[in-house]
Structures are given as C-alpha cells and as structure tokens.
C-alpha cells in the first residue's frame, strides 16, 4: 500500500474550510493506521525456530547457556533435537512461558470456594 501525503495549507485555515481539513486529516490517519497494521501483522503460518543463542536473546531474563542445557536435560523446556543440535520453536516457547504463571492468593481462594460449593455434602446420620 502506498500512502500519499495530503498537503493542507495551514496558513489560510479558516472556520469555513475547517471541515475539509479535518476530513483530510481523518483520511490520512486511516491510511497510516492500515499501513501500520499491515507492517505489524506477522505471517500466521510461519513459525520461527531458535538456536540456543537465539533463544537466550528471546527469553526475557537472558539465561546462561548452561541454564538452558539444564532445562533441556531435565525436560523442563520444550525442545527438538536433530543432527546433534538443539532447536526451539517460538510457539512452544511462548506457550511454555505463559504456562508458568503462578496464581495469586485471591485466585486460589476463589477456586477453593468454587470447589467447595461444587462438593455435595452427604449427611450420613439422617
């Protein structure tokens, strides 16, 4: 998509031509927004593969290689091994990272209350 910049003469901006200028600005903002959305949208069918060095850069805390090797040996991190090389799929890593979320105390209490409500109490002394 090619964006053409519309020149607005701001030196002769009057109350009468204000609606036209605002309309031109709105159209330009729409064109810029669609261009940005096209640039940010990654291909959906393509999954990125990382080497161990690329994985270190991708992970938020940039762990040491030895740490990653430890995770691999204890099968804590999803990985693929072929031709004596470790490879990591980005979607697997993203799922692994989001799966490590710890629940807050409030969330745990809410789950306990919901579980307790779902239990049937059997009165054996009726």
C-alpha atoms as a PDB file:
ATOM      1  CA  UNK A   1       0.000   0.000   0.000  1.00  0.00           C
ATOM      2  CA  UNK A   2       1.346   3.395  -0.965  1.00  0.00           C
ATOM      3  CA  UNK A   3       0.464   6.327   1.217  1.00  0.00           C
ATOM      4  CA  UNK A   4       0.222   9.703  -0.426  1.00  0.00           C
ATOM      5  CA  UNK A   5       0.678  12.607   1.907  1.00  0.00           C
ATOM      6  CA  UNK A   6      -2.003  15.262   1.556  1.00  0.00           C
ATOM      7  CA  UNK A   7      -0.764  18.788   1.945  1.00  0.00           C
ATOM      8  CA  UNK A   8      -3.008  21.056   3.989  1.00  0.00           C
ATOM      9  CA  UNK A   9      -2.449  24.775   3.707  1.00  0.00           C
ATOM     10  CA  UNK A  10      -2.405  25.842   7.350  1.00  0.00           C
ATOM     11  CA  UNK A  11      -1.668  29.473   6.548  1.00  0.00           C
ATOM     12  CA  UNK A  12      -5.151  30.050   5.119  1.00  0.00           C
ATOM     13  CA  UNK A  13      -7.033  27.843   7.553  1.00  0.00           C
ATOM     14  CA  UNK A  14     -10.389  29.422   8.265  1.00  0.00           C
ATOM     15  CA  UNK A  15     -13.542  28.332  10.018  1.00  0.00           C
ATOM     16  CA  UNK A  16     -15.227  27.706   6.656  1.00  0.00           C
ATOM     17  CA  UNK A  17     -12.579  25.265   5.344  1.00  0.00           C
ATOM     18  CA  UNK A  18     -12.048  23.587   8.742  1.00  0.00           C
ATOM     19  CA  UNK A  19     -14.416  20.642   7.989  1.00  0.00           C
ATOM     20  CA  UNK A  20     -12.487  19.882   4.794  1.00  0.00           C
ATOM     21  CA  UNK A  21      -9.158  19.986   6.624  1.00  0.00           C
ATOM     22  CA  UNK A  22     -10.461  17.701   9.393  1.00  0.00           C
ATOM     23  CA  UNK A  23     -11.836  15.274   6.787  1.00  0.00           C
ATOM     24  CA  UNK A  24      -8.438  15.143   5.062  1.00  0.00           C
ATOM     25  CA  UNK A  25      -6.711  14.514   8.387  1.00  0.00           C
ATOM     26  CA  UNK A  26      -9.099  11.672   9.226  1.00  0.00           C
ATOM     27  CA  UNK A  27      -8.456  10.018   5.863  1.00  0.00           C
ATOM     28  CA  UNK A  28      -4.713  10.332   6.341  1.00  0.00           C
ATOM     29  CA  UNK A  29      -4.916   8.815   9.844  1.00  0.00           C
ATOM     30  CA  UNK A  30      -6.940   5.872   8.478  1.00  0.00           C
ATOM     31  CA  UNK A  31      -4.342   5.270   5.763  1.00  0.00           C
ATOM     32  CA  UNK A  32      -1.477   5.411   8.270  1.00  0.00           C
ATOM     33  CA  UNK A  33      -3.279   3.064  10.659  1.00  0.00           C
ATOM     34  CA  UNK A  34      -3.899   0.460   7.962  1.00  0.00           C
ATOM     35  CA  UNK A  35      -0.276   0.699   6.846  1.00  0.00           C
ATOM     36  CA  UNK A  36       0.961   0.145  10.416  1.00  0.00           C
ATOM     37  CA  UNK A  37      -1.362  -2.822  10.901  1.00  0.00           C
ATOM     38  CA  UNK A  38      -0.067  -4.417   7.704  1.00  0.00           C
ATOM     39  CA  UNK A  39       3.531  -3.996   8.879  1.00  0.00           C
ATOM     40  CA  UNK A  40       2.931  -5.407  12.368  1.00  0.00           C
ATOM     41  CA  UNK A  41       0.980  -8.498  11.344  1.00  0.00           C
ATOM     42  CA  UNK A  42       3.408 -11.440  11.224  1.00  0.00           C
ATOM     43  CA  UNK A  43       2.723 -14.341   8.864  1.00  0.00           C
ATOM     44  CA  UNK A  44       0.415 -16.727  10.703  1.00  0.00           C
ATOM     45  CA  UNK A  45       1.533 -19.971   9.069  1.00  0.00           C
ATOM     46  CA  UNK A  46       5.239 -19.429   9.686  1.00  0.00           C
ATOM     47  CA  UNK A  47       6.803 -20.472  12.985  1.00  0.00           C
ATOM     48  CA  UNK A  48      10.257 -19.281  13.944  1.00  0.00           C
ATOM     49  CA  UNK A  49      12.926 -21.733  15.058  1.00  0.00           C
ATOM     50  CA  UNK A  50      15.614 -20.649  17.517  1.00  0.00           C
ATOM     51  CA  UNK A  51      19.105 -21.915  18.126  1.00  0.00           C
ATOM     52  CA  UNK A  52      20.262 -21.866  21.725  1.00  0.00           C
ATOM     53  CA  UNK A  53      21.897 -18.440  21.281  1.00  0.00           C
ATOM     54  CA  UNK A  54      18.761 -17.010  19.669  1.00  0.00           C
ATOM     55  CA  UNK A  55      16.687 -18.483  22.489  1.00  0.00           C
ATOM     56  CA  UNK A  56      18.906 -16.785  25.068  1.00  0.00           C
ATOM     57  CA  UNK A  57      18.229 -13.429  23.394  1.00  0.00           C
ATOM     58  CA  UNK A  58      14.488 -14.134  23.097  1.00  0.00           C
ATOM     59  CA  UNK A  59      13.878 -15.126  26.711  1.00  0.00           C
ATOM     60  CA  UNK A  60      13.121 -12.161  28.991  1.00  0.00           C
ATOM     61  CA  UNK A  61      15.838 -12.827  31.582  1.00  0.00           C
ATOM     62  CA  UNK A  62      18.533 -13.922  29.060  1.00  0.00           C
ATOM     63  CA  UNK A  63      19.634 -17.034  30.952  1.00  0.00           C
ATOM     64  CA  UNK A  64      23.068 -18.585  30.555  1.00  0.00           C
ATOM     65  CA  UNK A  65      23.620 -21.431  28.108  1.00  0.00           C
ATOM     66  CA  UNK A  66      24.302 -23.786  30.997  1.00  0.00           C
ATOM     67  CA  UNK A  67      20.891 -22.943  32.474  1.00  0.00           C
ATOM     68  CA  UNK A  68      19.151 -23.759  29.184  1.00  0.00           C
ATOM     69  CA  UNK A  69      21.098 -27.003  28.867  1.00  0.00           C
ATOM     70  CA  UNK A  70      19.979 -27.858  32.410  1.00  0.00           C
ATOM     71  CA  UNK A  71      16.336 -27.210  31.463  1.00  0.00           C
ATOM     72  CA  UNK A  72      16.749 -29.430  28.402  1.00  0.00           C
ATOM     73  CA  UNK A  73      18.341 -32.277  30.365  1.00  0.00           C
ATOM     74  CA  UNK A  74      15.533 -32.236  32.944  1.00  0.00           C
ATOM     75  CA  UNK A  75      12.912 -31.804  30.188  1.00  0.00           C
ATOM     76  CA  UNK A  76      11.608 -28.549  31.673  1.00  0.00           C
ATOM     77  CA  UNK A  77      11.653 -26.658  28.367  1.00  0.00           C
ATOM     78  CA  UNK A  78      10.150 -27.817  25.057  1.00  0.00           C
ATOM     79  CA  UNK A  79      12.881 -28.555  22.539  1.00  0.00           C
ATOM     80  CA  UNK A  80      13.737 -30.518  19.411  1.00  0.00           C
ATOM     81  CA  UNK A  81      16.991 -32.303  18.783  1.00  0.00           C
ATOM     82  CA  UNK A  82      18.228 -33.238  15.355  1.00  0.00           C
ATOM     83  CA  UNK A  83      21.681 -33.598  13.832  1.00  0.00           C
ATOM     84  CA  UNK A  84      23.150 -33.106  17.317  1.00  0.00           C
ATOM     85  CA  UNK A  85      21.697 -29.592  17.516  1.00  0.00           C
ATOM     86  CA  UNK A  86      19.065 -28.215  19.812  1.00  0.00           C
ATOM     87  CA  UNK A  87      16.246 -26.249  18.226  1.00  0.00           C
ATOM     88  CA  UNK A  88      13.371 -24.427  19.895  1.00  0.00           C
ATOM     89  CA  UNK A  89      10.082 -23.462  18.229  1.00  0.00           C
ATOM     90  CA  UNK A  90       8.893 -19.976  19.153  1.00  0.00           C
ATOM     91  CA  UNK A  91       5.249 -21.011  19.632  1.00  0.00           C
ATOM     92  CA  UNK A  92       6.330 -23.795  22.016  1.00  0.00           C
ATOM     93  CA  UNK A  93       8.481 -21.361  23.993  1.00  0.00           C
ATOM     94  CA  UNK A  94       5.661 -18.789  24.165  1.00  0.00           C
ATOM     95  CA  UNK A  95       3.268 -21.442  25.494  1.00  0.00           C
ATOM     96  CA  UNK A  96       5.901 -22.617  27.968  1.00  0.00           C
ATOM     97  CA  UNK A  97       6.459 -19.069  29.215  1.00  0.00           C
ATOM     98  CA  UNK A  98       2.751 -18.351  29.646  1.00  0.00           C
ATOM     99  CA  UNK A  99       2.198 -21.702  31.356  1.00  0.00           C
ATOM    100  CA  UNK A 100       4.473 -20.748  34.236  1.00  0.00           C
ATOM    101  CA  UNK A 101       2.072 -18.152  35.629  1.00  0.00           C
ATOM    102  CA  UNK A 102       1.511 -18.513  39.364  1.00  0.00           C
ATOM    103  CA  UNK A 103      -1.963 -17.810  40.695  1.00  0.00           C
ATOM    104  CA  UNK A 104      -2.448 -15.055  43.216  1.00  0.00           C
ATOM    105  CA  UNK A 105      -3.775 -15.757  46.679  1.00  0.00           C
ATOM    106  CA  UNK A 106      -7.133 -14.271  45.708  1.00  0.00           C
ATOM    107  CA  UNK A 107      -7.399 -16.526  42.656  1.00  0.00           C
ATOM    108  CA  UNK A 108      -6.573 -19.569  44.770  1.00  0.00           C
ATOM    109  CA  UNK A 109      -9.201 -18.589  47.357  1.00  0.00           C
ATOM    110  CA  UNK A 110     -11.818 -18.117  44.632  1.00  0.00           C
ATOM    111  CA  UNK A 111     -11.014 -21.552  43.190  1.00  0.00           C
ATOM    112  CA  UNK A 112     -11.241 -23.132  46.652  1.00  0.00           C
ATOM    113  CA  UNK A 113     -14.634 -21.520  47.287  1.00  0.00           C
ATOM    114  CA  UNK A 114     -15.926 -22.662  43.884  1.00  0.00           C
ATOM    115  CA  UNK A 115     -14.668 -26.180  44.548  1.00  0.00           C
ATOM    116  CA  UNK A 116     -16.270 -26.225  47.988  1.00  0.00           C
ATOM    117  CA  UNK A 117     -19.615 -25.094  46.545  1.00  0.00           C
ATOM    118  CA  UNK A 118     -19.457 -27.855  43.948  1.00  0.00           C
ATOM    119  CA  UNK A 119     -18.966 -30.604  46.523  1.00  0.00           C
ATOM    120  CA  UNK A 120     -22.078 -32.383  47.712  1.00  0.00           C
ATOM    121  CA  UNK A 121     -22.351 -32.889  51.410  1.00  0.00           C
ATOM    122  CA  UNK A 122     -23.690 -36.261  52.376  1.00  0.00           C
ATOM    123  CA  UNK A 123     -25.412 -36.446  55.700  1.00  0.00           C
ATOM    124  CA  UNK A 124     -24.921 -39.993  56.880  1.00  0.00           C
ATOM    125  CA  UNK A 125     -26.878 -39.591  60.102  1.00  0.00           C
ATOM    126  CA  UNK A 126     -30.335 -38.906  58.672  1.00  0.00           C
END
